[in-house]
Amino acid sequence: MECNVGLTEQKVRVLAGLAIIGVGAYYNIKALSAIGVIPIVTGMLRYCPVNQAVGYNGCTGEQHRVKSAVL
């Protein structure tokens, strides 16, 4: 899996996922809470199959090296 989620997008995805889970928990909507896990996982992995399908790569050269150094 090649990095295609940039650092800023990663942070936005994780925060959005947490917000979706919070709203789902507040209103007791289990399906919404389950859907909130998706942006968290794609943000943490820094890989999104939808980004790959549409040909978008938000992971620029320097950001790609950061992920490689971590792994």
C-alpha atoms as a PDB file:
ATOM      1  CA  MET A   1       0.000   0.000   0.000  1.00  0.00           C
ATOM      2  CA  GLU A   2       1.449   3.271  -1.103  1.00  0.00           C
ATOM      3  CA  CYS A   3       0.806   6.403   0.925  1.00  0.00           C
ATOM      4  CA  ASN A   4      -1.934   8.515  -0.695  1.00  0.00           C
ATOM      5  CA  VAL A   5      -3.224  10.468   2.330  1.00  0.00           C
ATOM      6  CA  GLY A   6      -1.282  13.578   3.298  1.00  0.00           C
ATOM      7  CA  LEU A   7      -0.452  14.628   6.847  1.00  0.00           C
ATOM      8  CA  THR A   8      -3.123  17.339   7.016  1.00  0.00           C
ATOM      9  CA  GLU A   9      -5.707  15.031   5.481  1.00  0.00           C
ATOM     10  CA  GLN A  10      -4.698  12.361   8.007  1.00  0.00           C
ATOM     11  CA  LYS A  11      -5.433  14.654  10.931  1.00  0.00           C
ATOM     12  CA  VAL A  12      -8.745  15.774   9.425  1.00  0.00           C
ATOM     13  CA  ARG A  13      -9.817  12.174   8.812  1.00  0.00           C
ATOM     14  CA  VAL A  14      -9.048  11.068  12.365  1.00  0.00           C
ATOM     15  CA  LEU A  15     -10.833  14.068  13.891  1.00  0.00           C
ATOM     16  CA  ALA A  16     -13.830  13.614  11.577  1.00  0.00           C
ATOM     17  CA  GLY A  17     -14.005   9.923  12.471  1.00  0.00           C
ATOM     18  CA  LEU A  18     -13.966  10.735  16.170  1.00  0.00           C
ATOM     19  CA  ALA A  19     -16.700  13.346  15.650  1.00  0.00           C
ATOM     20  CA  ILE A  20     -18.858  10.854  13.721  1.00  0.00           C
ATOM     21  CA  ILE A  21     -18.422   8.266  16.470  1.00  0.00           C
ATOM     22  CA  GLY A  22     -19.284  10.892  19.085  1.00  0.00           C
ATOM     23  CA  VAL A  23     -22.483  11.902  17.287  1.00  0.00           C
ATOM     24  CA  GLY A  24     -23.420   8.236  16.838  1.00  0.00           C
ATOM     25  CA  ALA A  25     -22.846   7.564  20.523  1.00  0.00           C
ATOM     26  CA  TYR A  26     -24.756  10.668  21.606  1.00  0.00           C
ATOM     27  CA  TYR A  27     -27.823   9.804  19.521  1.00  0.00           C
ATOM     28  CA  ASN A  28     -27.384   6.036  20.094  1.00  0.00           C
ATOM     29  CA  ILE A  29     -26.994   5.260  16.380  1.00  0.00           C
ATOM     30  CA  LYS A  30     -24.714   2.239  16.218  1.00  0.00           C
ATOM     31  CA  ALA A  31     -24.397   2.261  12.422  1.00  0.00           C
ATOM     32  CA  LEU A  32     -23.096   5.837  12.494  1.00  0.00           C
ATOM     33  CA  SER A  33     -20.563   4.906  15.134  1.00  0.00           C
ATOM     34  CA  ALA A  34     -19.391   1.986  12.998  1.00  0.00           C
ATOM     35  CA  ILE A  35     -19.045   4.240   9.936  1.00  0.00           C
ATOM     36  CA  GLY A  36     -16.861   6.610  11.967  1.00  0.00           C
ATOM     37  CA  VAL A  37     -14.196   3.919  12.231  1.00  0.00           C
ATOM     38  CA  ILE A  38     -13.529   4.070   8.465  1.00  0.00           C
ATOM     39  CA  PRO A  39     -11.963   7.558   8.336  1.00  0.00           C
ATOM     40  CA  ILE A  40      -9.916   6.769  11.451  1.00  0.00           C
ATOM     41  CA  VAL A  41      -8.467   3.616   9.895  1.00  0.00           C
ATOM     42  CA  THR A  42      -7.737   5.274   6.538  1.00  0.00           C
ATOM     43  CA  GLY A  43      -6.138   8.193   8.350  1.00  0.00           C
ATOM     44  CA  MET A  44      -3.938   6.025  10.524  1.00  0.00           C
ATOM     45  CA  LEU A  45      -2.851   3.819   7.618  1.00  0.00           C
ATOM     46  CA  ARG A  46      -2.471   6.896   5.375  1.00  0.00           C
ATOM     47  CA  TYR A  47      -3.983   4.845   2.555  1.00  0.00           C
ATOM     48  CA  CYS A  48      -7.457   5.256   1.105  1.00  0.00           C
ATOM     49  CA  PRO A  49      -8.776   2.987  -1.667  1.00  0.00           C
ATOM     50  CA  VAL A  50     -11.191   5.731  -2.805  1.00  0.00           C
ATOM     51  CA  ASN A  51      -8.273   8.133  -3.295  1.00  0.00           C
ATOM     52  CA  GLN A  52      -6.518   5.486  -5.355  1.00  0.00           C
ATOM     53  CA  ALA A  53      -9.632   4.813  -7.451  1.00  0.00           C
ATOM     54  CA  VAL A  54     -10.005   8.472  -8.420  1.00  0.00           C
ATOM     55  CA  GLY A  55      -6.259   8.945  -8.889  1.00  0.00           C
ATOM     56  CA  TYR A  56      -5.718  11.392  -6.013  1.00  0.00           C
ATOM     57  CA  ASN A  57      -2.455  11.317  -4.084  1.00  0.00           C
ATOM     58  CA  GLY A  58      -2.207  13.803  -1.228  1.00  0.00           C
ATOM     59  CA  CYS A  59       1.045  12.310   0.031  1.00  0.00           C
ATOM     60  CA  THR A  60       3.793  14.496  -1.434  1.00  0.00           C
ATOM     61  CA  GLY A  61       7.485  13.622  -1.533  1.00  0.00           C
ATOM     62  CA  GLU A  62       8.462  14.771   1.969  1.00  0.00           C
ATOM     63  CA  GLN A  63       5.319  13.328   3.559  1.00  0.00           C
ATOM     64  CA  HIS A  64       5.945  10.001   1.824  1.00  0.00           C
ATOM     65  CA  ARG A  65       9.423   9.808   3.332  1.00  0.00           C
ATOM     66  CA  VAL A  66       7.973  10.457   6.805  1.00  0.00           C
ATOM     67  CA  LYS A  67       5.744   7.388   6.508  1.00  0.00           C
ATOM     68  CA  SER A  68       8.609   5.255   5.204  1.00  0.00           C
ATOM     69  CA  ALA A  69      10.799   6.269   8.132  1.00  0.00           C
ATOM     70  CA  VAL A  70       8.079   5.304  10.620  1.00  0.00           C
ATOM     71  CA  LEU A  71       7.563   1.865   9.127  1.00  0.00           C
END
